[in-house]
N, C-alpha and C. Protein backbone atom coordinates (compact mmCIF):
# COMPACT_ATOMS: atom_id res chain seq x y z
N UNK A 1 43.16 285.68 93.16
CA UNK A 1 42.96 285.92 91.87
C UNK A 1 44.16 286.83 91.50
N UNK A 2 44.52 287.97 91.25
CA UNK A 2 45.37 288.79 91.32
C UNK A 2 44.98 290.13 91.63
N UNK A 3 44.58 291.15 90.90
CA UNK A 3 44.41 292.79 91.44
C UNK A 3 43.07 292.14 91.67
N UNK A 4 42.37 293.33 92.38
CA UNK A 4 41.13 293.30 93.39
C UNK A 4 40.13 293.72 92.02
N UNK A 5 39.41 292.18 92.32
CA UNK A 5 38.28 291.81 91.54
C UNK A 5 37.85 292.30 90.27
N UNK A 6 37.00 293.41 90.28
CA UNK A 6 36.59 294.18 88.96
C UNK A 6 36.74 295.42 89.18
N UNK A 7 37.47 296.17 88.10
CA UNK A 7 37.88 297.84 88.44
C UNK A 7 36.85 298.09 87.95
N UNK A 8 36.22 299.08 88.40
CA UNK A 8 35.24 300.07 88.23
C UNK A 8 33.99 299.75 87.19
N UNK A 9 33.26 298.52 87.34
CA UNK A 9 31.90 297.90 86.52
C UNK A 9 30.69 298.33 87.22
N UNK A 10 29.82 297.84 85.98
CA UNK A 10 28.70 298.18 86.32
C UNK A 10 28.04 299.59 86.43
N UNK A 11 29.01 300.26 85.46
CA UNK A 11 28.53 301.67 85.23
C UNK A 11 27.90 301.81 83.86
N UNK A 12 26.89 302.25 83.42
CA UNK A 12 26.60 302.14 82.02
C UNK A 12 27.01 303.70 81.65
N UNK A 13 27.38 303.06 79.83
CA UNK A 13 27.51 304.00 79.21
C UNK A 13 26.34 304.72 78.43
N UNK A 14 26.76 306.01 77.80
CA UNK A 14 25.72 306.31 77.27
C UNK A 14 25.27 305.35 75.85
N UNK A 15 23.92 305.43 74.96
CA UNK A 15 23.54 304.55 74.48
C UNK A 15 24.69 305.15 72.85
N UNK A 16 25.15 306.16 72.87
CA UNK A 16 25.65 306.20 71.61
C UNK A 16 27.65 305.43 72.08
N UNK A 17 27.80 305.66 72.88
CA UNK A 17 29.02 304.84 73.41
C UNK A 17 28.92 303.45 73.54
N UNK A 18 27.99 303.22 73.90
CA UNK A 18 27.66 301.45 73.85
C UNK A 18 27.44 300.94 72.04
N UNK A 19 27.28 302.11 71.18
CA UNK A 19 26.64 301.85 70.03
C UNK A 19 28.56 301.91 69.34
N UNK A 20 29.23 302.49 69.72
CA UNK A 20 30.20 302.81 69.24
C UNK A 20 31.75 302.02 69.82
N UNK A 21 31.09 301.36 71.18
CA UNK A 21 31.95 300.67 71.13
C UNK A 21 32.42 299.45 70.86
N UNK A 22 32.45 299.09 69.91
CA UNK A 22 32.64 297.73 69.74
C UNK A 22 33.90 296.62 69.52
N UNK A 23 34.94 297.56 69.49
CA UNK A 23 36.57 297.17 69.00
C UNK A 23 36.77 296.09 69.56
N UNK A 24 36.35 295.72 70.68
CA UNK A 24 37.55 294.64 71.56
C UNK A 24 35.94 294.10 72.28
N UNK A 25 34.72 294.16 72.04
CA UNK A 25 33.57 293.24 72.28
C UNK A 25 32.56 293.74 72.93
N UNK A 26 31.87 292.78 74.05
CA UNK A 26 30.71 293.54 74.10
C UNK A 26 31.10 294.34 75.57
N UNK A 27 29.96 295.06 75.85
CA UNK A 27 30.27 295.68 77.13
C UNK A 27 29.46 295.54 78.54
N UNK A 28 29.18 294.52 78.56
CA UNK A 28 28.45 293.85 79.95
C UNK A 28 29.05 294.66 81.27
N UNK A 29 28.64 294.99 82.34
CA UNK A 29 29.60 294.81 83.77
C UNK A 29 29.74 293.38 84.06
N UNK A 30 30.62 293.46 84.86
CA UNK A 30 31.16 292.39 86.19
C UNK A 30 30.83 292.35 87.18
N UNK A 31 30.23 290.96 87.58
CA UNK A 31 30.08 291.14 89.12
C UNK A 31 31.66 290.38 89.96
N UNK A 32 30.90 289.67 90.65
CA UNK A 32 31.92 288.82 91.95
C UNK A 32 31.95 290.11 92.47
N UNK A 33 33.45 289.61 93.64
CA UNK A 33 33.56 290.34 94.70
C UNK A 33 34.61 291.05 94.03
N UNK A 34 34.25 291.20 92.90
CA UNK A 34 34.72 291.62 92.06
C UNK A 34 34.00 293.00 91.57
N UNK A 35 33.02 292.92 91.80
CA UNK A 35 32.19 293.80 91.54
C UNK A 35 32.54 294.75 92.61
N UNK A 36 32.24 296.77 92.03
CA UNK A 36 32.64 297.48 92.51
C UNK A 36 32.32 297.98 93.42
N UNK A 37 32.31 298.72 94.29
CA UNK A 37 31.67 300.27 94.90
C UNK A 37 31.77 301.71 94.18
N UNK A 38 30.67 301.91 94.31
CA UNK A 38 30.48 303.21 93.20
C UNK A 38 29.83 304.30 95.05
N UNK A 39 30.33 305.72 94.22
CA UNK A 39 29.62 306.61 94.92
C UNK A 39 30.78 307.67 95.48
N UNK A 40 30.38 308.71 96.00
CA UNK A 40 31.92 309.96 96.45
C UNK A 40 31.59 310.80 95.04
N UNK A 41 32.62 311.81 95.22
CA UNK A 41 33.01 312.54 94.15
C UNK A 41 34.12 313.59 94.98
N UNK A 42 35.23 313.98 94.24
CA UNK A 42 35.90 314.78 94.79
C UNK A 42 36.99 315.08 93.76
N UNK A 43 36.45 316.30 93.98
CA UNK A 43 36.44 316.64 93.16
C UNK A 43 36.03 318.21 93.13
N UNK A 44 53.68 305.42 86.42
CA UNK A 44 54.80 305.44 87.50
C UNK A 44 56.38 304.78 87.07
N UNK A 45 56.58 304.99 88.27
CA UNK A 45 58.08 303.71 87.84
C UNK A 45 57.40 303.15 86.88
N UNK A 46 57.80 302.82 86.24
CA UNK A 46 57.36 302.42 84.57
C UNK A 46 58.40 302.13 83.96
N UNK A 47 57.67 300.41 83.19
CA UNK A 47 58.50 299.97 82.12
C UNK A 47 58.71 300.99 80.53
N UNK A 48 59.60 300.47 79.78
CA UNK A 48 59.24 301.45 78.81
C UNK A 48 57.97 301.78 77.98
N UNK A 49 57.03 300.57 78.19
CA UNK A 49 55.66 301.03 77.67
C UNK A 49 54.76 301.77 78.37
N UNK A 50 55.37 302.38 79.46
CA UNK A 50 54.45 303.10 80.68
C UNK A 50 54.21 304.94 79.69
N UNK A 51 53.21 305.16 79.54
CA UNK A 51 53.22 306.52 79.32
C UNK A 51 54.32 307.25 80.02
N UNK A 52 55.10 308.40 79.65
CA UNK A 52 55.87 309.26 80.49
C UNK A 52 55.10 310.56 81.18
N UNK A 53 55.80 310.96 82.15
CA UNK A 53 54.80 312.07 82.43
C UNK A 53 55.42 313.27 81.90
N UNK A 54 55.62 313.33 80.82
CA UNK A 54 56.27 314.87 80.17
C UNK A 54 55.16 315.52 79.92
N UNK A 55 54.10 314.87 79.45
CA UNK A 55 52.93 315.82 78.94
C UNK A 55 52.20 316.01 80.04
N UNK A 56 52.96 315.74 81.66
CA UNK A 56 52.28 316.52 82.61
C UNK A 56 52.69 317.71 83.14
N UNK A 57 53.20 318.28 82.35
CA UNK A 57 53.84 319.59 82.53
C UNK A 57 53.60 320.55 81.55
N UNK A 58 52.44 320.21 80.81
CA UNK A 58 51.30 321.34 79.98
C UNK A 58 49.93 321.22 80.65
N UNK A 59 49.39 322.32 80.68
CA UNK A 59 48.00 322.29 80.65
C UNK A 59 47.53 322.04 82.80
N UNK A 60 49.01 322.46 83.45
CA UNK A 60 48.62 322.08 84.66
C UNK A 60 48.47 320.22 85.11
N UNK A 61 49.04 319.48 83.94
CA UNK A 61 48.80 318.07 84.58
C UNK A 61 49.55 317.69 85.58
N UNK A 62 48.89 316.84 86.81
CA UNK A 62 49.80 316.60 87.93
C UNK A 62 51.04 315.25 87.28
N UNK A 63 51.78 315.34 88.31
CA UNK A 63 52.99 313.79 88.12
C UNK A 63 52.12 312.96 88.86
N UNK A 64 52.37 311.76 88.49
CA UNK A 64 51.80 310.61 88.70
C UNK A 64 52.75 309.87 89.18
N UNK A 65 53.05 309.30 90.71
CA UNK A 65 54.37 308.13 90.94
C UNK A 65 53.74 307.23 91.32
N UNK A 66 54.84 306.42 91.19
CA UNK A 66 54.44 304.55 91.62
C UNK A 66 55.29 304.11 92.50
N UNK A 67 55.04 303.22 93.34
CA UNK A 67 55.77 302.44 94.22
C UNK A 67 57.02 301.58 93.82
N UNK A 68 57.97 301.46 93.67
CA UNK A 68 59.09 300.76 92.96
C UNK A 68 58.74 299.24 92.73
N UNK A 69 57.64 298.58 93.47
CA UNK A 69 57.01 297.50 93.37
C UNK A 69 55.84 297.27 92.07
N UNK A 70 55.53 298.67 91.85
CA UNK A 70 54.27 297.84 90.91
C UNK A 70 54.35 299.19 89.51
N UNK A 71 54.00 298.73 88.94
CA UNK A 71 53.89 299.35 86.98
C UNK A 71 52.66 299.08 86.55
N UNK A 72 52.21 300.18 85.57
CA UNK A 72 51.17 299.68 84.83
C UNK A 72 52.26 299.57 83.53
N UNK A 73 51.86 298.95 82.12
CA UNK A 73 52.32 298.78 80.90
C UNK A 73 51.50 299.14 80.15
N UNK A 74 51.46 300.09 78.94
CA UNK A 74 50.64 300.80 78.36
C UNK A 74 51.00 300.63 76.67
N UNK A 75 49.86 299.07 75.95
CA UNK A 75 51.05 299.06 74.51
C UNK A 75 50.18 299.48 73.85
N UNK A 76 50.03 300.10 72.51
CA UNK A 76 49.61 300.70 70.96
C UNK A 76 49.32 301.93 71.80
N UNK A 77 50.44 302.73 71.98
CA UNK A 77 50.63 304.69 72.39
C UNK A 77 50.06 305.20 70.95
N UNK A 78 50.87 304.80 69.93
CA UNK A 78 50.99 305.39 68.79
C UNK A 78 49.60 305.19 67.89
N UNK A 79 49.23 305.89 67.27
CA UNK A 79 48.41 305.25 66.25
C UNK A 79 48.91 306.28 64.87
N UNK A 80 49.57 307.30 64.93
CA UNK A 80 49.66 307.96 63.67
C UNK A 80 48.28 309.27 63.40
N UNK A 81 47.50 309.27 64.58
CA UNK A 81 46.90 310.45 64.33
C UNK A 81 47.05 311.02 65.85
N UNK A 82 47.28 312.50 65.84
CA UNK A 82 47.94 313.09 66.84
C UNK A 82 46.67 312.96 67.88
N UNK A 83 45.38 313.27 67.39
CA UNK A 83 44.36 312.73 68.47
C UNK A 83 43.79 312.07 68.87
N UNK A 84 43.61 310.91 68.59
CA UNK A 84 44.03 309.74 69.23
C UNK A 84 45.20 309.94 69.81
N UNK A 85 46.24 309.76 69.70
CA UNK A 85 47.39 309.08 70.65
C UNK A 85 46.89 310.09 71.54
N UNK A 86 46.94 311.60 71.80
CA UNK A 86 46.11 312.25 73.10
C UNK A 86 45.19 311.79 73.88
N UNK A 87 44.25 311.27 73.46
CA UNK A 87 43.30 310.38 73.75
C UNK A 87 43.76 309.58 74.62
N UNK A 88 44.43 308.67 74.11
CA UNK A 88 45.20 307.13 74.51
C UNK A 88 45.60 307.72 75.55
N UNK A 89 47.06 308.53 75.35
CA UNK A 89 47.76 309.05 76.36
C UNK A 89 46.78 309.91 77.82
N UNK A 90 46.05 310.41 77.52
CA UNK A 90 45.27 310.57 78.83
C UNK A 90 44.19 309.59 79.86
N UNK A 91 44.13 308.67 78.46
CA UNK A 91 43.22 307.45 79.32
C UNK A 91 44.03 306.33 79.66
N UNK A 92 45.53 306.48 79.26
CA UNK A 92 46.31 306.03 80.21
C UNK A 92 46.32 306.52 81.70
N UNK A 93 46.66 307.82 81.90
CA UNK A 93 47.26 308.82 82.97
C UNK A 93 45.56 308.74 83.72
N UNK A 94 44.50 308.47 83.40
CA UNK A 94 43.08 308.08 83.95
C UNK A 94 43.24 306.73 85.21
N UNK A 95 43.62 305.70 84.32
CA UNK A 95 44.07 304.46 84.57
C UNK A 95 45.04 304.86 85.99
N UNK A 96 46.36 304.77 85.74
CA UNK A 96 47.77 305.33 86.44
C UNK A 96 46.46 305.92 87.86
N UNK A 97 46.19 307.28 87.48
CA UNK A 97 45.89 308.43 88.87
C UNK A 97 44.70 307.44 90.02
N UNK A 98 44.29 306.39 89.31
CA UNK A 98 43.49 305.53 90.16
C UNK A 98 44.23 305.09 90.84
N UNK A 99 45.16 303.77 90.33
CA UNK A 99 46.17 303.40 91.22
C UNK A 99 47.08 303.91 91.74
N UNK A 100 47.33 305.35 91.56
CA UNK A 100 48.62 306.23 92.50
C UNK A 100 47.36 306.59 94.06
N UNK A 101 45.96 306.48 93.46
CA UNK A 101 45.09 306.89 94.75
C UNK A 101 45.11 305.46 95.65
N UNK A 102 45.05 304.61 94.99
CA UNK A 102 45.00 303.34 95.96
C UNK A 102 46.63 303.20 97.05
N UNK A 103 47.77 303.51 95.99
CA UNK A 103 48.75 303.36 96.36
C UNK A 103 48.67 304.77 97.94
N UNK A 104 48.79 305.74 97.46
CA UNK A 104 48.59 306.89 98.58
C UNK A 104 48.02 306.58 99.58
N UNK A 105 46.75 305.75 99.39
CA UNK A 105 45.27 305.70 100.42
C UNK A 105 44.57 306.75 100.40
N UNK A 106 44.24 307.88 99.05
CA UNK A 106 44.10 309.30 99.43
C UNK A 106 43.27 309.02 98.13
N UNK A 107 41.73 309.77 98.00
CA UNK A 107 40.48 309.53 97.08
C UNK A 107 41.02 310.91 97.00
N UNK A 108 41.97 312.19 97.87
CA UNK A 108 42.03 313.31 97.60
C UNK A 108 42.84 313.54 96.53
N UNK A 109 43.25 313.01 95.73
CA UNK A 109 44.94 312.86 95.05
C UNK A 109 44.64 314.00 93.80
N UNK A 110 45.52 314.85 93.45
CA UNK A 110 45.20 315.70 92.62
C UNK A 110 44.86 315.15 91.08
N UNK A 111 45.85 313.71 90.98
CA UNK A 111 45.48 313.51 89.44
C UNK A 111 44.13 312.80 89.11
N UNK A 112 44.00 312.26 90.66
CA UNK A 112 42.01 311.63 90.27
C UNK A 112 40.91 312.18 89.57
N UNK A 113 41.18 313.61 90.14
CA UNK A 113 40.33 314.58 89.98
C UNK A 113 40.41 315.07 88.70
N UNK A 114 41.69 315.06 87.90
CA UNK A 114 42.26 315.41 87.21
C UNK A 114 42.28 314.92 85.67
N UNK A 115 42.00 313.66 85.88
CA UNK A 115 41.91 312.81 84.31
C UNK A 115 40.44 312.20 84.41
N UNK A 116 40.03 312.00 85.60
CA UNK A 116 38.45 311.69 85.63
C UNK A 116 37.41 312.63 86.13
N UNK A 117 36.21 312.35 85.86
CA UNK A 117 35.08 313.32 85.83
C UNK A 117 33.87 312.29 85.89
N UNK A 118 33.01 312.95 86.58
CA UNK A 118 31.20 312.67 86.09
C UNK A 118 31.27 311.44 86.97
N UNK A 119 30.33 310.36 86.60
CA UNK A 119 30.21 308.97 86.72
C UNK A 119 32.12 308.30 86.97
N UNK A 120 32.86 308.63 86.30
CA UNK A 120 33.92 307.67 86.13
C UNK A 120 34.86 308.27 87.71
N UNK A 121 34.51 309.46 87.91
CA UNK A 121 35.47 310.26 89.30
C UNK A 121 34.60 309.23 90.54
N UNK A 122 33.63 309.51 90.63
CA UNK A 122 32.48 309.03 91.28
C UNK A 122 32.94 307.09 91.42
N UNK A 123 32.83 306.59 90.26
CA UNK A 123 33.35 304.89 90.99
C UNK A 123 34.55 304.90 91.15
N UNK A 124 35.71 305.69 90.53
CA UNK A 124 36.97 305.17 90.86
C UNK A 124 37.24 305.87 92.30
N UNK A 125 36.93 306.67 92.79
CA UNK A 125 36.79 306.57 94.51
C UNK A 125 36.45 305.78 95.36
N UNK A 126 35.19 305.13 94.91
CA UNK A 126 34.50 304.22 95.57
C UNK A 126 35.38 303.14 95.45
N UNK A 127 35.59 303.10 94.15
CA UNK A 127 36.79 301.66 93.85
C UNK A 127 38.30 302.16 94.86
N UNK A 128 38.86 303.01 94.80
CA UNK A 128 39.83 303.09 95.67
C UNK A 128 39.29 303.09 97.44
N UNK A 129 38.36 303.53 97.76
CA UNK A 129 37.87 303.26 99.39
C UNK A 129 37.70 302.03 99.29
N UNK A 130 37.59 301.06 98.54
CA UNK A 130 37.62 299.54 98.61
C UNK A 130 38.90 298.92 99.20
N UNK A 131 39.63 299.13 98.65
CA UNK A 131 41.41 299.32 98.74
C UNK A 131 41.71 299.76 100.19
N UNK A 132 41.29 301.35 100.52
CA UNK A 132 41.66 301.72 101.97
C UNK A 132 41.22 301.05 103.16
N UNK A 133 39.82 300.63 102.25
CA UNK A 133 38.83 299.87 103.85
C UNK A 133 39.58 298.99 104.02
N UNK A 134 40.19 298.02 103.23
CA UNK A 134 40.47 296.49 103.27
C UNK A 134 42.45 296.68 103.88
N UNK A 135 42.64 297.58 103.50
CA UNK A 135 44.34 297.88 103.94
C UNK A 135 44.91 296.92 103.27
N UNK A 136 44.71 297.48 101.62
CA UNK A 136 45.02 296.84 100.59
C UNK A 136 46.04 297.78 99.71
N UNK A 137 46.94 297.00 99.13
CA UNK A 137 47.36 297.79 97.64
C UNK A 137 47.81 296.48 97.05
N UNK A 138 48.53 296.99 95.96
CA UNK A 138 48.94 295.44 94.90
C UNK A 138 50.56 296.01 94.49
N UNK A 139 50.69 294.97 93.88
CA UNK A 139 52.38 294.85 93.44
C UNK A 139 52.39 294.25 92.09
N UNK A 140 53.85 294.27 91.36
CA UNK A 140 53.72 293.50 90.45
C UNK A 140 53.61 294.46 88.91
N UNK A 141 52.84 294.12 87.44
CA UNK A 141 52.78 294.61 86.52
C UNK A 141 51.50 293.97 85.79
N UNK A 142 50.77 295.38 85.36
CA UNK A 142 49.75 295.16 84.74
C UNK A 142 49.71 295.59 83.41
N UNK A 143 49.40 294.69 82.52
CA UNK A 143 49.46 295.32 80.79
C UNK A 143 48.38 295.61 80.25
N UNK A 144 48.35 296.82 79.86
CA UNK A 144 47.06 297.36 78.96
C UNK A 144 47.09 296.97 77.21
N UNK A 145 46.32 296.19 76.65
CA UNK A 145 46.86 296.23 75.33
C UNK A 145 45.59 296.30 74.62
N UNK A 146 45.28 296.12 73.16
CA UNK A 146 44.72 295.94 72.37
C UNK A 146 43.49 297.54 72.77
N UNK A 147 44.37 298.61 72.78
CA UNK A 147 43.85 300.03 73.08
C UNK A 147 43.23 300.64 72.12
N UNK A 148 42.41 300.78 71.70
CA UNK A 148 41.55 301.76 69.98
C UNK A 148 40.52 302.96 70.72
N UNK A 149 40.76 303.50 69.84
CA UNK A 149 39.81 304.61 70.23
C UNK A 149 39.04 305.11 68.54
N UNK A 150 37.65 305.40 69.11
CA UNK A 150 36.96 305.95 68.44
C UNK A 150 36.59 307.56 68.51
N UNK A 151 36.87 308.15 67.60
CA UNK A 151 36.36 309.69 68.08
C UNK A 151 34.97 310.28 67.64
N UNK A 152 34.49 311.20 68.14
CA UNK A 152 32.69 311.27 67.97
C UNK A 152 32.90 312.81 68.36
N UNK A 153 33.24 313.44 67.21
CA UNK A 153 33.35 314.89 67.01
C UNK A 153 34.78 315.97 67.49
N UNK A 154 34.59 316.61 67.59
CA UNK A 154 35.94 316.93 68.40
C UNK A 154 36.51 316.98 70.22
N UNK A 155 35.52 317.11 70.58
CA UNK A 155 35.71 316.72 71.84
C UNK A 155 34.95 315.82 72.80
N UNK A 156 34.76 314.74 71.91
CA UNK A 156 34.55 313.52 72.62
C UNK A 156 34.83 312.18 72.08
N UNK A 157 35.38 310.77 72.61
CA UNK A 157 36.04 309.82 72.12
C UNK A 157 35.86 308.81 72.98
N UNK A 158 35.58 307.74 72.36
CA UNK A 158 35.61 306.01 73.23
C UNK A 158 36.97 305.45 73.41
N UNK A 159 37.27 304.88 74.26
CA UNK A 159 38.61 303.76 74.17
C UNK A 159 37.96 302.50 74.70
N UNK A 160 38.56 301.44 73.72
CA UNK A 160 37.93 300.22 74.34
C UNK A 160 39.93 299.42 74.36
N UNK A 161 39.85 298.93 75.64
CA UNK A 161 41.32 298.13 75.80
C UNK A 161 40.79 296.98 76.70
N UNK A 162 42.12 296.03 76.77
CA UNK A 162 42.22 294.83 77.67
C UNK A 162 42.93 295.01 78.57
N UNK A 163 42.65 294.69 80.21
CA UNK A 163 43.79 294.55 81.09
C UNK A 163 44.50 292.87 81.29
N UNK A 164 45.80 292.69 81.84
CA UNK A 164 46.03 291.62 81.94
C UNK A 164 46.67 291.67 83.56
N UNK A 165 45.95 291.04 84.20
CA UNK A 165 46.38 291.40 85.27
C UNK A 165 47.18 290.07 86.35
N UNK A 166 47.61 288.86 85.07
CA UNK A 166 48.29 287.80 86.01
C UNK A 166 49.52 287.98 86.48
N UNK A 167 49.76 289.11 86.14
CA UNK A 167 51.37 289.33 87.02
C UNK A 167 51.05 290.67 88.34
N UNK A 168 49.91 290.74 87.95
CA UNK A 168 49.68 292.17 89.71
C UNK A 168 48.98 291.28 90.58
N UNK A 169 49.00 291.37 92.24
CA UNK A 169 48.60 291.15 92.39
C UNK A 169 48.19 291.73 94.17
N UNK A 170 47.33 291.48 94.79
CA UNK A 170 47.00 291.90 95.99
C UNK A 170 47.93 291.88 97.01
N UNK A 171 47.68 292.56 97.90
CA UNK A 171 49.04 292.72 98.91
C UNK A 171 48.44 293.86 100.27
N UNK A 172 48.61 292.86 101.48
CA UNK A 172 47.87 293.21 102.44
C UNK A 172 48.94 294.21 103.27
N UNK A 173 48.70 295.64 103.41
CA UNK A 173 50.01 296.45 104.08
C UNK A 173 49.98 295.64 105.69
N UNK A 174 48.93 295.17 106.32
CA UNK A 174 48.85 295.12 107.57
C UNK A 174 50.14 294.11 107.94
N UNK A 175 49.51 292.63 106.99
CA UNK A 175 50.16 291.72 107.10
C UNK A 175 51.40 291.63 106.11
N UNK A 176 51.45 292.09 105.47
CA UNK A 176 52.68 292.10 104.35
C UNK A 176 52.18 290.78 102.92
N UNK A 177 51.35 290.30 103.98
CA UNK A 177 51.15 289.06 102.63
C UNK A 177 50.46 289.29 101.12
N UNK A 178 51.14 288.90 100.14
CA UNK A 178 50.73 289.06 98.91
C UNK A 178 50.02 287.71 98.59
N UNK A 179 48.92 287.94 97.77
CA UNK A 179 47.98 286.80 97.10
C UNK A 179 48.24 286.57 95.47
N UNK A 180 48.94 285.08 95.79
CA UNK A 180 49.81 285.25 94.25
C UNK A 180 49.01 283.83 94.35
N UNK A 181 47.56 284.22 93.66
CA UNK A 181 46.89 282.95 93.33
C UNK A 181 47.28 283.33 91.61
N UNK A 182 47.09 281.78 91.09
CA UNK A 182 47.26 281.28 90.08
C UNK A 182 46.45 282.59 88.93
N UNK A 183 46.79 282.81 88.06
CA UNK A 183 46.16 283.20 87.28
C UNK A 183 44.62 282.69 86.53
N UNK A 184 43.44 283.12 86.13
CA UNK A 184 42.60 282.70 85.34
C UNK A 184 42.02 283.39 84.47
N UNK A 185 41.11 283.05 83.74
CA UNK A 185 40.13 283.74 82.68
C UNK A 185 40.14 284.93 83.49
N UNK A 186 39.67 285.57 84.59
CA UNK A 186 39.00 286.89 85.46
C UNK A 186 40.22 287.50 85.51
N UNK A 187 41.66 286.98 85.10
CA UNK A 187 42.77 287.58 84.98
C UNK A 187 42.72 289.12 84.30
N UNK A 188 42.04 288.67 83.25
CA UNK A 188 42.00 289.78 82.08
C UNK A 188 40.51 290.51 82.21
N UNK A 189 40.57 291.72 81.68
CA UNK A 189 39.55 292.81 81.71
C UNK A 189 39.48 293.31 80.51
N UNK A 190 37.84 293.44 79.95
CA UNK A 190 37.68 294.41 78.77
C UNK A 190 36.92 295.74 79.62
N UNK A 191 37.61 296.85 78.80
CA UNK A 191 37.39 298.16 79.12
C UNK A 191 36.65 299.02 78.42
N UNK A 192 35.73 299.20 78.06
CA UNK A 192 34.69 300.22 77.27
C UNK A 192 34.86 302.03 78.08
N UNK A 193 35.53 303.02 77.65
CA UNK A 193 35.74 304.15 78.20
C UNK A 193 35.12 305.17 77.35
N UNK A 194 34.30 306.38 77.81
CA UNK A 194 34.12 307.68 77.42
C UNK A 194 34.95 308.79 77.98
N UNK A 195 35.64 309.75 77.59
CA UNK A 195 36.03 310.56 77.43
C UNK A 195 35.87 311.96 76.80
N UNK A 196 35.70 312.71 77.08
CA UNK A 196 35.63 314.47 77.12
C UNK A 196 36.72 315.28 77.19
N UNK A 197 36.76 316.07 76.57
CA UNK A 197 37.94 316.78 76.04
C UNK A 197 37.25 318.47 76.75
N UNK A 198 38.11 318.43 77.94
CA UNK A 198 38.17 320.11 78.46
C UNK A 198 38.51 320.69 78.18
N UNK A 199 37.75 322.26 78.72
CA UNK A 199 38.49 323.19 78.18
C UNK A 199 39.92 323.39 78.36
N UNK A 200 40.87 322.99 79.09
CA UNK A 200 42.09 323.11 78.84
C UNK A 200 42.96 322.15 78.22
N UNK A 201 41.79 321.13 77.49
CA UNK A 201 42.90 320.32 76.34
C UNK A 201 42.88 319.16 77.09
N UNK A 202 42.65 318.69 78.15
CA UNK A 202 42.60 317.51 79.13
C UNK A 202 41.46 316.50 78.44
N UNK A 203 41.81 315.29 78.00
CA UNK A 203 40.81 313.99 77.45
C UNK A 203 40.61 313.43 79.22
N UNK A 204 39.50 313.60 79.36
CA UNK A 204 38.84 313.46 80.62
C UNK A 204 37.90 312.09 80.35
N UNK A 205 38.42 310.79 81.26
CA UNK A 205 37.57 309.91 81.60
C UNK A 205 36.10 310.17 82.28
N UNK A 206 34.81 310.19 81.61
CA UNK A 206 33.53 310.27 82.10
C UNK A 206 33.07 309.14 82.36
N UNK A 207 33.16 308.25 81.78
CA UNK A 207 32.20 307.02 82.39
C UNK A 207 33.06 305.82 81.77
N UNK A 208 33.00 304.76 82.32
CA UNK A 208 33.67 303.53 82.03
C UNK A 208 32.75 302.21 82.61
N UNK A 209 32.81 301.09 81.86
CA UNK A 209 32.46 299.92 81.75
C UNK A 209 33.57 298.87 81.74
N UNK A 210 33.01 297.81 82.53
CA UNK A 210 34.17 296.81 82.55
C UNK A 210 33.16 295.32 82.63
N UNK A 211 34.35 294.62 82.05
CA UNK A 211 33.99 293.08 82.01
C UNK A 211 34.80 292.24 82.36
N UNK A 212 35.06 291.81 83.21
CA UNK A 212 35.89 290.45 84.02
C UNK A 212 35.59 289.18 82.81
N UNK A 213 37.13 288.81 82.41
CA UNK A 213 36.84 287.34 82.07
C UNK A 213 36.38 287.40 80.87
N UNK A 214 35.86 288.91 79.44
CA UNK A 214 35.62 288.25 79.01
C UNK A 214 36.96 287.85 77.66
N UNK A 215 36.02 286.99 76.60
CA UNK A 215 36.57 286.60 75.76
C UNK A 215 37.40 287.26 75.14
N UNK A 216 37.39 288.25 74.69
CA UNK A 216 38.05 289.26 73.76
C UNK A 216 39.09 289.85 74.32
N UNK A 217 39.42 289.14 75.54
CA UNK A 217 40.81 289.71 75.95
C UNK A 217 41.67 288.50 76.67
N UNK A 218 41.01 287.18 76.51
CA UNK A 218 42.49 285.79 76.50
C UNK A 218 43.00 285.88 76.04
N UNK A 219 44.29 285.18 76.43
CA UNK A 219 45.46 284.94 75.56
C UNK A 219 45.14 283.79 74.61
């Protein structure tokens, strides 16, 4: 199929989040070998649409690096609202931090705990461990689209978005084999996320729900 089955699924958002996140569809969690692993706590190379690292120079933001054969592309970066744009930027860095941890085969990267906290951090760590245990990484391009922000007060926000994994593939580090199975409905994933602004002004992802194959994200 393409990228590793389900990214950070089966995590319940708060009731408020469930009510607020309606922009992209339902927030059911997914299964499959795609269901993920949760636990733990601790604590790039980019196409034009990928958030740059310029923001990483403030608030002690760590730089995130990707290998040359993998990239994330984020659409809908500008909303016209400065706060929403900041939320989207840090939401993208949260995604990038998880992938960087996969590429580095380490759950101790600085960015992972910088952009993620609470349930999102523990689930991210377990998700990354799944790659490490299988000696896997991924290559190609993953596109993130239909990204929408709902603000809740001054320090809380919800972001929904879709991912297109039809052009990203699992690669085994030992065999060097790339699984280029054809894209299916499960190549598209719907995400609901909750973010909280910390004392340093960073919008940290605190909770995530994903639904692989959701109709809202199908082409």
